[in-house]
Structures are given as C-alpha cells and as structure tokens.
Amino acid sequence: MDAFLIAGGGCKSLSQILERDCGIRVTAYEQDIFKGLERIMNRNVSADIIVLTDQGISCAPSELKAAIESFRRHTGSMPDKYVFKFITKDPLYDRAFTDGAGGAQNYRSHLIDRVKIPASLLRDICGDVCRNDGGEAGLESQGEPHSEGKRVWSFFGRQEKSSGKNSEVPFKGSVRDVPGEEKNTRSRLRAVQAGLNRAVAITGHRGAGATSTAANIAVAAGMKGLKTIILDLDIEYRGMNLYFSKFGEEAQLNSELEASLVKCLLKPDLYLKNSCKINDGLYVVSLAYSVPHRDKLLDFINLKRLLGLITVLKSDFNLVLLDIPFHVLSRYSEMLIHLDGIGLCVNNNIYSLINTAKAVDEMFEREFLSLLKMKSRIIATKYNDESRHHGKKMTCQLMCDILCEISEVFDDRPVCAGAIPWCGSFDTQVDTGRKLCSASGEYKGHYLKVLDNLI
C-alpha cells in the first residue's frame, strides 16, 4: 500500500516508521495541509491512503473544516478513491475534520488520548486499510462519530470507550523533594538524538523562574548533544537577552538581528540567517531591547506564523524551546496541540501556587484546558527546602496536591517533572553570565531530568 503524508516537521520520522514497521510505502509528503491537498487535487500524488497529523495543520479548526469540505467536493468525482486518515490528539480538530468529511466513508479521524503515539498504534490505524477486504474505508467503528461512547485509541493500540471525562495522564517523573537523574534519562535523550523532534514550552507567572529554566534546559540539552533553538516569546521583558548576552552584542553590530523573532516568523526557512548562534548546538531567536514595544513589526506576530516557524524548526532541531509567559500562551491557545510538552514553573510556596491556579483558571479558554492539563508538567523552580505550609514541608507532592485542591483545571493531581533547588547563585546568573547547569554537574543533572520528563 502506498501512502501520502501531511505531517509537518514529523514527515521524515513518520515516513520511516510506516515503511519500517508497517510495511507501507510512502510515495511523497508535504508539511502543510493546504499544499498537500492542492497537490492531490492536481493529481500529482500516487497513493492509496492519505495520512494527516496535527503537525501538518497550521490553521484554526474552522479553517480545517472548510479545507476538508472543499477537498471532498473536488475529489468526489475522481476515479481513484483515497482513504483519508487523520490522527489527532485534539478534540476540536477531530470534530472539525469529521464535520468537514460530511459522513464520507473513506474519511476517518482517530482521536488519540496519549501524548506519544507508538509505532504499533500507527500500524493498527493505517494497516486497517490493508485488512479490509470489502473495499470500504477500513473504519474501526461505524455509527455517529461523536455520539456518546465514542471510541478513542489508547496507548496500547486497543479501542476503549471514552466516558466523556478527561483521561488520567500517566505519571511521569518523581515527586521526590529534589529528584536526580533517572535510570532511563540517557536512553530517552539518545532516542531524541536518533531523530525525534520536540517542541516544548516553558511558562509560568512572573517571577516563577521560567526564563531561567528555559535558558538552563537549553544549555544542558546542547551539552548533551541535542541541537536546540530557543524562541523568546516574552515580547515585553525579552529575558533571553540577559541570559545570552551574545544576542544583544551581535544585534548591536548587525541591525538585521534586532528583530530576529519577526524575521524568522516572516521567513522561517531563513532562520540560520536571522537567529543568533550561541554555539554549534544552540541558537536563540528573540527581539533586541532596541526594538520598541509599540513597533509595527510586532503586528506580524500571529498564530499562523508561529505554527509555521515551529514546524520548520522541528524538522531541523531536536528541541525547539519556547520561553513564553502565561498571557502569551493563552493568547495563542491553539498552539497547544502542536506542543509536545509544557513545563509549568511554580515555586514551592503558597503564593506561587495561588498565582498559578488563578492564571490557569482565568486566562485560558475552557475548550483548551484539557489539552493544557494533559501536556503540562510542574517544574518546582527555586525549590526551597525550608518552605513549609501549615507546618508541613512543601514537597513537590504537597505542591501538586494543593494545586489540585485550589485549581478547577487540575482536578487530578498534576505531574511533577522535577525540582530545581534554590541557591545563592540562582539570581546572579545574569550578572556572572554563568548558567547553573554549566557551573555545577548537580544542576546539569536536575535540568536534564526535567527535560527528560517533558519530552
């Protein structure tokens, strides 16, 4: 069976999986859904099955629905009937695709309830077309796709009925006070180096330590051999200028680099020219302080361009790291589906926990809260071993328990990716220019542990 892929930056890796593990020959692929559908309508594709994933989508659900409706009308009279498989983690995109398909039997959306999709599940989804001898679309279940008891694909490749409630996210990482390296950290990071690509957002309320965490994770990842790029989306404070002074220095010498972020958004393929190379394994995309906050250039920053840039970068980097404040992430909530993980920075004190719960509950639209909950991992930043709450030591476990109690979003206890202990050098990193992960092997281990649990 021949397949045509529309999978963003994951085209190459998905192609390898389908050919190696599923016996499906990938004849061609496109990163973007609009280019892919246009190519098919022009009959420039020879395939039995079209496989679309979330990474191939850089538009709103309403635009996806319109695109699928238009494609279905234009291809309805074609002699070759494609089987169209959409593999998604987002209920909104699942609904949009299904509505756009209009009940056509050769269109099927597969809603996945896990962050990572194993090869065995891809084989079951795509291989079902081969097993269907009746010539139909190889559907796993018939009937109204969005009725009660809709079947959702689980991690183990079986279909399980969804109760309509949010699935429990499997526990990753440890809730020990200050976790160290796990046994599988090295093996998982090696897997990333072998070809997997991740886009991870680091966020939190002001003062929680998100920028420091993002900078140290990036440096630690680079030291581990992971090709990494940082997108500084904190348009107001632009903290990466402080943690990587080389960016500001080069921007002074080269005015073209001042609006690095905007230029990368406008021309993603030219990211090498428009980003600052810190070293062979680490790049930074930001805005120089010389760019005014009300500069009209900032009007070019929008969701579609952000998704386009992330898609391009994921094809060339092991790790695309977003330093993004709460209010910016909530403004571009549809970005959540394209992120592989979210690190939620929280200090182990009640003030920080309340601020986090308040921001999450108030800033994000309700339709995106399940995604935020599923992909978020708590990072206990500036961890103070002496912190207490009602006489109890404020451990990572207690932090997660309190957040579960006071937040409407985290109705199940959230997962802790790790803790970064506070030390005297924590607040002097900007002045000294030395990241904690570079100055201490212990801190390097902490940040790699957090990264491991985020990817």
Foldseek 3Di string as FASTA:
>chain_A
DEEEEAAFLCVVVVQCLCVPPQVYHYPYYHPAPVVSLVCVLVVVDDGQEYEYEPRNYLDFLQVLLVVLLVSCVSCVPPPRDHQYEYEFQAPSNQVSNVNSPVPQFSYHYAHAQALDADSVLVNLRVVLCVVDPVPTNSDPDDDDCPDQQHWHQYNVNDTGTDRPDRDDADFDADLFFFDFFDPCLLVLLVVLVVPAAFEEEFEAAPPLCRVLLLLLLQVLNVVSVFQEEEEEPPLPPFCVCLLQVQLQVVCVVPVLQQQLNLVCLVPVVCNVVRWADSDPRYIYGTHHPVQDSPDPSVVSDDSSSVSNNVSVVRNPGSYYYYHHYLLRCQVNLVCLRVGSAYEYRAALAPVRLLRRQVSLQPRHDPSSLSSCQNRYAYEHEQYDQPDDDPRHGSTSQVSQVVSCVPHPSCVDRHYHQGYQHHDPCSVCCSVVSDRPVRVDVRNSRRSSSSVSRND
